[in-house]
Amino acid sequence: MEAQRLSTELLIRGHTTYGSYHQRFMRLRMPSPYEINRRNLRRSLDFLLDRYMNLFISGGDTRYVRSEILAHHRILKTDSVLPRNR
């Protein structure tokens, strides 16, 4: 039962479920590629929001930055950053 719970947790977080129980348990301590991509997207979105605010306050053209913000938001909202190498 414990092995099934571990496999479920690995799949939820985006890891693979092969290997011994110890290998799978140790893999659970590391961030998955999905979590790393999501963290990087959030960091990039925060940077774009700051850039947008600076352009907006200075009166610059914000169309490109706004489209990038909407694209990042759409990706984060749909959770479509799943690893492709499964």
C-alpha atoms as a PDB file:
ATOM      1  CA  MET A   1       0.000   0.000   0.000  1.00  0.00           C
ATOM      2  CA  GLU A   2       2.857   2.380   0.824  1.00  0.00           C
ATOM      3  CA  ALA A   3       4.496   1.766  -2.573  1.00  0.00           C
ATOM      4  CA  GLN A   4       1.249   2.647  -4.345  1.00  0.00           C
ATOM      5  CA  ARG A   5       0.960   5.893  -2.378  1.00  0.00           C
ATOM      6  CA  LEU A   6       4.557   6.765  -3.292  1.00  0.00           C
ATOM      7  CA  SER A   7       3.917   6.055  -6.987  1.00  0.00           C
ATOM      8  CA  THR A   8       0.800   8.206  -6.926  1.00  0.00           C
ATOM      9  CA  GLU A   9       2.672  11.095  -5.326  1.00  0.00           C
ATOM     10  CA  LEU A  10       5.451  10.780  -7.910  1.00  0.00           C
ATOM     11  CA  LEU A  11       2.966  10.871 -10.786  1.00  0.00           C
ATOM     12  CA  ILE A  12       1.128  13.874  -9.348  1.00  0.00           C
ATOM     13  CA  ARG A  13       4.360  15.835  -9.103  1.00  0.00           C
ATOM     14  CA  GLY A  14       5.497  14.807 -12.615  1.00  0.00           C
ATOM     15  CA  HIS A  15       8.184  12.231 -11.838  1.00  0.00           C
ATOM     16  CA  THR A  16       8.595   8.784 -13.348  1.00  0.00           C
ATOM     17  CA  THR A  17       7.766   5.706 -11.262  1.00  0.00           C
ATOM     18  CA  TYR A  18      10.519   3.266 -12.230  1.00  0.00           C
ATOM     19  CA  GLY A  19      13.296   2.055  -9.924  1.00  0.00           C
ATOM     20  CA  SER A  20      13.517   0.620  -6.443  1.00  0.00           C
ATOM     21  CA  TYR A  21      11.523   1.961  -3.530  1.00  0.00           C
ATOM     22  CA  HIS A  22      14.573   3.885  -2.251  1.00  0.00           C
ATOM     23  CA  GLN A  23      15.270   5.464  -5.659  1.00  0.00           C
ATOM     24  CA  ARG A  24      11.655   6.544  -5.994  1.00  0.00           C
ATOM     25  CA  PHE A  25      11.633   7.934  -2.453  1.00  0.00           C
ATOM     26  CA  MET A  26      14.813   9.933  -3.122  1.00  0.00           C
ATOM     27  CA  ARG A  27      13.395  11.202  -6.420  1.00  0.00           C
ATOM     28  CA  LEU A  28      10.429  12.577  -4.523  1.00  0.00           C
ATOM     29  CA  ARG A  29      12.771  14.928  -2.622  1.00  0.00           C
ATOM     30  CA  MET A  30      13.948  16.584  -5.845  1.00  0.00           C
ATOM     31  CA  PRO A  31      11.798  18.929  -7.926  1.00  0.00           C
ATOM     32  CA  SER A  32      10.474  17.370 -11.109  1.00  0.00           C
ATOM     33  CA  PRO A  33      11.127  18.922 -14.529  1.00  0.00           C
ATOM     34  CA  TYR A  34       7.471  20.025 -14.495  1.00  0.00           C
ATOM     35  CA  GLU A  35       7.938  21.848 -11.179  1.00  0.00           C
ATOM     36  CA  ILE A  36      11.184  23.446 -12.386  1.00  0.00           C
ATOM     37  CA  ASN A  37       9.514  24.700 -15.585  1.00  0.00           C
ATOM     38  CA  ARG A  38       6.563  26.029 -13.612  1.00  0.00           C
ATOM     39  CA  ARG A  39       8.846  27.835 -11.159  1.00  0.00           C
ATOM     40  CA  ASN A  40      10.807  29.379 -14.049  1.00  0.00           C
ATOM     41  CA  LEU A  41       7.585  30.490 -15.735  1.00  0.00           C
ATOM     42  CA  ARG A  42       6.373  32.153 -12.543  1.00  0.00           C
ATOM     43  CA  ARG A  43       9.715  33.920 -12.126  1.00  0.00           C
ATOM     44  CA  SER A  44       9.582  35.077 -15.742  1.00  0.00           C
ATOM     45  CA  LEU A  45       5.998  36.277 -15.292  1.00  0.00           C
ATOM     46  CA  ASP A  46       7.004  38.318 -12.235  1.00  0.00           C
ATOM     47  CA  PHE A  47       9.820  39.903 -14.248  1.00  0.00           C
ATOM     48  CA  LEU A  48       7.437  40.721 -17.110  1.00  0.00           C
ATOM     49  CA  LEU A  49       4.922  42.284 -14.713  1.00  0.00           C
ATOM     50  CA  ASP A  50       7.638  44.546 -13.283  1.00  0.00           C
ATOM     51  CA  ARG A  51       8.735  45.497 -16.791  1.00  0.00           C
ATOM     52  CA  TYR A  52       5.122  46.217 -17.774  1.00  0.00           C
ATOM     53  CA  MET A  53       4.641  48.491 -14.767  1.00  0.00           C
ATOM     54  CA  ASN A  54       7.832  50.415 -15.563  1.00  0.00           C
ATOM     55  CA  LEU A  55       6.791  50.873 -19.204  1.00  0.00           C
ATOM     56  CA  PHE A  56       3.261  51.866 -18.207  1.00  0.00           C
ATOM     57  CA  ILE A  57       4.477  54.479 -15.727  1.00  0.00           C
ATOM     58  CA  SER A  58       7.020  55.907 -18.181  1.00  0.00           C
ATOM     59  CA  GLY A  59       4.461  55.999 -21.006  1.00  0.00           C
ATOM     60  CA  GLY A  60       6.215  53.454 -23.221  1.00  0.00           C
ATOM     61  CA  ASP A  61       4.669  50.971 -25.641  1.00  0.00           C
ATOM     62  CA  THR A  62       3.380  48.018 -23.581  1.00  0.00           C
ATOM     63  CA  ARG A  63       1.775  45.904 -26.332  1.00  0.00           C
ATOM     64  CA  TYR A  64       4.581  43.334 -26.669  1.00  0.00           C
ATOM     65  CA  VAL A  65       5.076  42.923 -22.923  1.00  0.00           C
ATOM     66  CA  ARG A  66       1.308  42.613 -22.426  1.00  0.00           C
ATOM     67  CA  SER A  67       1.087  39.833 -25.022  1.00  0.00           C
ATOM     68  CA  GLU A  68       3.974  37.994 -23.329  1.00  0.00           C
ATOM     69  CA  ILE A  69       2.247  38.317 -19.941  1.00  0.00           C
ATOM     70  CA  LEU A  70      -0.977  36.897 -21.371  1.00  0.00           C
ATOM     71  CA  ALA A  71       0.913  33.995 -22.961  1.00  0.00           C
ATOM     72  CA  HIS A  72       2.670  33.153 -19.684  1.00  0.00           C
ATOM     73  CA  HIS A  73      -0.607  33.393 -17.793  1.00  0.00           C
ATOM     74  CA  ARG A  74      -2.346  31.114 -20.289  1.00  0.00           C
ATOM     75  CA  ILE A  75       0.396  28.479 -19.928  1.00  0.00           C
ATOM     76  CA  LEU A  76       0.303  28.620 -16.133  1.00  0.00           C
ATOM     77  CA  LYS A  77      -3.501  28.512 -16.076  1.00  0.00           C
ATOM     78  CA  THR A  78      -3.798  25.421 -18.282  1.00  0.00           C
ATOM     79  CA  ASP A  79      -0.873  23.487 -16.719  1.00  0.00           C
ATOM     80  CA  SER A  80       0.347  22.536 -20.187  1.00  0.00           C
ATOM     81  CA  VAL A  81       4.046  22.435 -19.229  1.00  0.00           C
ATOM     82  CA  LEU A  82       4.116  18.662 -18.858  1.00  0.00           C
ATOM     83  CA  PRO A  83       7.412  16.967 -19.688  1.00  0.00           C
ATOM     84  CA  ARG A  84       7.425  15.686 -23.259  1.00  0.00           C
ATOM     85  CA  ASN A  85       9.924  12.841 -22.800  1.00  0.00           C
ATOM     86  CA  ARG A  86       7.606  10.325 -21.137  1.00  0.00           C
END
